[in-house]
Amino acid sequence: MYLNLIQIIISITLIVIIMLQIKGNTSGGVFGGAGVARTRRGLELRLFQITIALSVIFLLISFLSAFLAVRS
């Protein structure tokens, strides 16, 4: 029960963070336009790191949830 709730919270948080990252970039990169490679700094870097961490946590919780579902 708690794992499902945690998954929902993490998924909503991931959606919001990813939307913030897309909104921060020019729309040309989103629709396949040629983008300029640049280094992430400040808040953009922190959002990127949080996205990776939440994705890994979400994946681990999904595996744990599936494992516990099979065992019961």
N, C-alpha and C. Protein backbone atom coordinates (compact mmCIF):
# COMPACT_ATOMS: atom_id res chain seq x y z
N MET A 1 0.82 -1.19 0.00
CA MET A 1 0.00 0.00 0.00
C MET A 1 0.86 1.26 0.00
N TYR A 2 1.85 1.29 0.91
CA TYR A 2 2.69 2.47 1.00
C TYR A 2 3.60 2.62 -0.20
N LEU A 3 4.02 1.47 -0.77
CA LEU A 3 4.88 1.54 -1.95
C LEU A 3 4.13 2.16 -3.13
N ASN A 4 2.85 1.82 -3.26
CA ASN A 4 2.06 2.39 -4.35
C ASN A 4 1.90 3.90 -4.18
N LEU A 5 1.68 4.34 -2.97
CA LEU A 5 1.54 5.76 -2.70
C LEU A 5 2.85 6.49 -2.98
N ILE A 6 3.96 5.89 -2.58
CA ILE A 6 5.27 6.49 -2.84
C ILE A 6 5.52 6.58 -4.34
N GLN A 7 5.15 5.53 -5.07
CA GLN A 7 5.32 5.54 -6.53
C GLN A 7 4.51 6.66 -7.17
N ILE A 8 3.29 6.86 -6.72
CA ILE A 8 2.45 7.92 -7.27
C ILE A 8 3.07 9.29 -7.01
N ILE A 9 3.54 9.50 -5.79
CA ILE A 9 4.15 10.79 -5.44
C ILE A 9 5.41 11.03 -6.26
N ILE A 10 6.25 10.00 -6.40
CA ILE A 10 7.48 10.15 -7.17
C ILE A 10 7.16 10.39 -8.64
N SER A 11 6.18 9.69 -9.18
CA SER A 11 5.85 9.88 -10.60
C SER A 11 5.33 11.28 -10.88
N ILE A 12 4.49 11.81 -10.00
CA ILE A 12 3.99 13.18 -10.18
C ILE A 12 5.14 14.18 -10.07
N THR A 13 6.03 13.95 -9.11
CA THR A 13 7.20 14.82 -8.96
C THR A 13 8.09 14.77 -10.19
N LEU A 14 8.30 13.57 -10.73
CA LEU A 14 9.11 13.44 -11.95
C LEU A 14 8.48 14.19 -13.12
N ILE A 15 7.18 14.07 -13.27
CA ILE A 15 6.50 14.77 -14.36
C ILE A 15 6.70 16.28 -14.23
N VAL A 16 6.53 16.80 -13.03
CA VAL A 16 6.69 18.24 -12.81
C VAL A 16 8.12 18.68 -13.10
N ILE A 17 9.10 17.93 -12.60
CA ILE A 17 10.50 18.31 -12.81
C ILE A 17 10.87 18.24 -14.29
N ILE A 18 10.41 17.22 -14.99
CA ILE A 18 10.71 17.10 -16.42
C ILE A 18 10.05 18.24 -17.19
N MET A 19 8.83 18.59 -16.82
CA MET A 19 8.17 19.71 -17.49
C MET A 19 8.91 21.02 -17.23
N LEU A 20 9.45 21.20 -16.04
CA LEU A 20 10.25 22.39 -15.75
C LEU A 20 11.51 22.43 -16.61
N GLN A 21 12.12 21.29 -16.81
CA GLN A 21 13.32 21.24 -17.64
C GLN A 21 13.00 21.55 -19.09
N ILE A 22 11.89 21.03 -19.59
CA ILE A 22 11.50 21.29 -20.97
C ILE A 22 11.13 22.75 -21.15
N LYS A 23 10.41 23.31 -20.18
CA LYS A 23 10.00 24.70 -20.25
C LYS A 23 11.21 25.64 -20.23
N GLY A 24 12.26 25.24 -19.53
CA GLY A 24 13.46 26.06 -19.45
C GLY A 24 14.26 26.08 -20.74
N ASN A 25 14.11 25.06 -21.57
CA ASN A 25 14.83 24.99 -22.84
C ASN A 25 14.02 25.67 -23.94
N THR A 26 14.67 25.94 -25.06
CA THR A 26 13.93 26.48 -26.19
C THR A 26 13.09 25.38 -26.80
N SER A 27 11.96 25.72 -27.35
CA SER A 27 11.06 24.72 -27.89
C SER A 27 11.61 24.06 -29.14
N GLY A 28 12.62 24.64 -29.77
CA GLY A 28 13.21 24.04 -30.96
C GLY A 28 13.83 22.70 -30.66
N GLY A 29 14.45 22.55 -29.49
CA GLY A 29 15.05 21.29 -29.11
C GLY A 29 14.03 20.22 -28.82
N VAL A 30 12.85 20.62 -28.37
CA VAL A 30 11.80 19.66 -28.05
C VAL A 30 11.23 19.05 -29.33
N PHE A 31 11.10 19.86 -30.37
CA PHE A 31 10.49 19.40 -31.60
C PHE A 31 11.50 19.00 -32.67
N GLY A 32 12.72 18.70 -32.28
CA GLY A 32 13.69 18.18 -33.22
C GLY A 32 14.56 19.23 -33.87
N GLY A 33 14.48 20.47 -33.44
CA GLY A 33 15.32 21.51 -34.01
C GLY A 33 16.76 21.34 -33.57
N ALA A 34 17.66 21.96 -34.29
CA ALA A 34 19.08 21.87 -33.95
C ALA A 34 19.33 22.67 -32.69
N GLY A 35 19.91 22.02 -31.70
CA GLY A 35 20.18 22.68 -30.43
C GLY A 35 21.67 22.93 -30.27
N VAL A 36 22.00 23.77 -29.35
CA VAL A 36 23.40 24.07 -29.04
C VAL A 36 23.76 23.30 -27.77
N ALA A 37 24.87 22.56 -27.82
CA ALA A 37 25.31 21.83 -26.64
C ALA A 37 25.89 22.82 -25.63
N ARG A 38 25.44 22.72 -24.38
CA ARG A 38 25.96 23.60 -23.36
C ARG A 38 26.00 22.87 -22.03
N THR A 39 26.70 23.42 -21.09
CA THR A 39 26.86 22.81 -19.78
C THR A 39 25.72 23.23 -18.86
N ARG A 40 25.20 22.26 -18.12
CA ARG A 40 24.17 22.58 -17.14
C ARG A 40 24.82 23.24 -15.94
N ARG A 41 24.17 24.27 -15.42
CA ARG A 41 24.69 24.97 -14.25
C ARG A 41 23.55 25.36 -13.33
N GLY A 42 23.89 25.50 -12.07
CA GLY A 42 22.94 26.01 -11.09
C GLY A 42 21.70 25.15 -10.94
N LEU A 43 20.55 25.79 -11.04
CA LEU A 43 19.27 25.12 -10.84
C LEU A 43 19.04 24.04 -11.89
N GLU A 44 19.46 24.29 -13.11
CA GLU A 44 19.28 23.30 -14.17
C GLU A 44 20.04 22.02 -13.85
N LEU A 45 21.24 22.14 -13.34
CA LEU A 45 22.04 20.98 -12.95
C LEU A 45 21.36 20.24 -11.79
N ARG A 46 20.88 20.99 -10.81
CA ARG A 46 20.22 20.38 -9.65
C ARG A 46 18.96 19.63 -10.08
N LEU A 47 18.14 20.21 -10.97
CA LEU A 47 16.94 19.53 -11.47
C LEU A 47 17.31 18.25 -12.21
N PHE A 48 18.39 18.31 -12.98
CA PHE A 48 18.85 17.14 -13.73
C PHE A 48 19.26 16.03 -12.76
N GLN A 49 19.99 16.36 -11.72
CA GLN A 49 20.43 15.38 -10.73
C GLN A 49 19.25 14.79 -9.96
N ILE A 50 18.29 15.64 -9.60
CA ILE A 50 17.10 15.17 -8.90
C ILE A 50 16.29 14.23 -9.79
N THR A 51 16.21 14.55 -11.08
CA THR A 51 15.49 13.70 -12.02
C THR A 51 16.11 12.31 -12.08
N ILE A 52 17.42 12.25 -12.14
CA ILE A 52 18.10 10.95 -12.19
C ILE A 52 17.87 10.18 -10.90
N ALA A 53 18.02 10.85 -9.76
CA ALA A 53 17.84 10.19 -8.47
C ALA A 53 16.41 9.66 -8.30
N LEU A 54 15.42 10.49 -8.64
CA LEU A 54 14.03 10.05 -8.52
C LEU A 54 13.71 8.90 -9.48
N SER A 55 14.31 8.92 -10.66
CA SER A 55 14.09 7.84 -11.63
C SER A 55 14.63 6.52 -11.09
N VAL A 56 15.81 6.56 -10.50
CA VAL A 56 16.41 5.35 -9.92
C VAL A 56 15.56 4.85 -8.75
N ILE A 57 15.15 5.76 -7.88
CA ILE A 57 14.30 5.38 -6.74
C ILE A 57 12.98 4.78 -7.22
N PHE A 58 12.38 5.40 -8.24
CA PHE A 58 11.14 4.90 -8.79
C PHE A 58 11.32 3.48 -9.35
N LEU A 59 12.41 3.25 -10.06
CA LEU A 59 12.70 1.94 -10.63
C LEU A 59 12.88 0.90 -9.53
N LEU A 60 13.63 1.24 -8.49
CA LEU A 60 13.86 0.31 -7.39
C LEU A 60 12.56 -0.02 -6.65
N ILE A 61 11.73 0.98 -6.42
CA ILE A 61 10.45 0.75 -5.76
C ILE A 61 9.55 -0.11 -6.64
N SER A 62 9.60 0.09 -7.95
CA SER A 62 8.79 -0.73 -8.86
C SER A 62 9.21 -2.19 -8.80
N PHE A 63 10.53 -2.43 -8.80
CA PHE A 63 11.02 -3.81 -8.70
C PHE A 63 10.62 -4.42 -7.35
N LEU A 64 10.77 -3.66 -6.28
CA LEU A 64 10.41 -4.14 -4.96
C LEU A 64 8.91 -4.44 -4.88
N SER A 65 8.11 -3.59 -5.44
CA SER A 65 6.67 -3.79 -5.44
C SER A 65 6.28 -5.04 -6.22
N ALA A 66 6.92 -5.23 -7.37
CA ALA A 66 6.63 -6.43 -8.18
C ALA A 66 7.09 -7.69 -7.46
N PHE A 67 8.26 -7.62 -6.82
CA PHE A 67 8.78 -8.76 -6.06
C PHE A 67 7.84 -9.14 -4.92
N LEU A 68 7.37 -8.13 -4.19
CA LEU A 68 6.46 -8.40 -3.08
C LEU A 68 5.10 -8.91 -3.56
N ALA A 69 4.67 -8.47 -4.74
CA ALA A 69 3.39 -8.94 -5.28
C ALA A 69 3.47 -10.41 -5.67
N VAL A 70 4.63 -10.81 -6.18
CA VAL A 70 4.80 -12.22 -6.59
C VAL A 70 4.87 -13.13 -5.36
N ARG A 71 5.50 -12.64 -4.31
CA ARG A 71 5.65 -13.45 -3.10
C ARG A 71 4.35 -13.62 -2.33
N SER A 72 3.40 -12.69 -2.49
CA SER A 72 2.17 -12.84 -1.72
C SER A 72 1.07 -13.54 -2.47
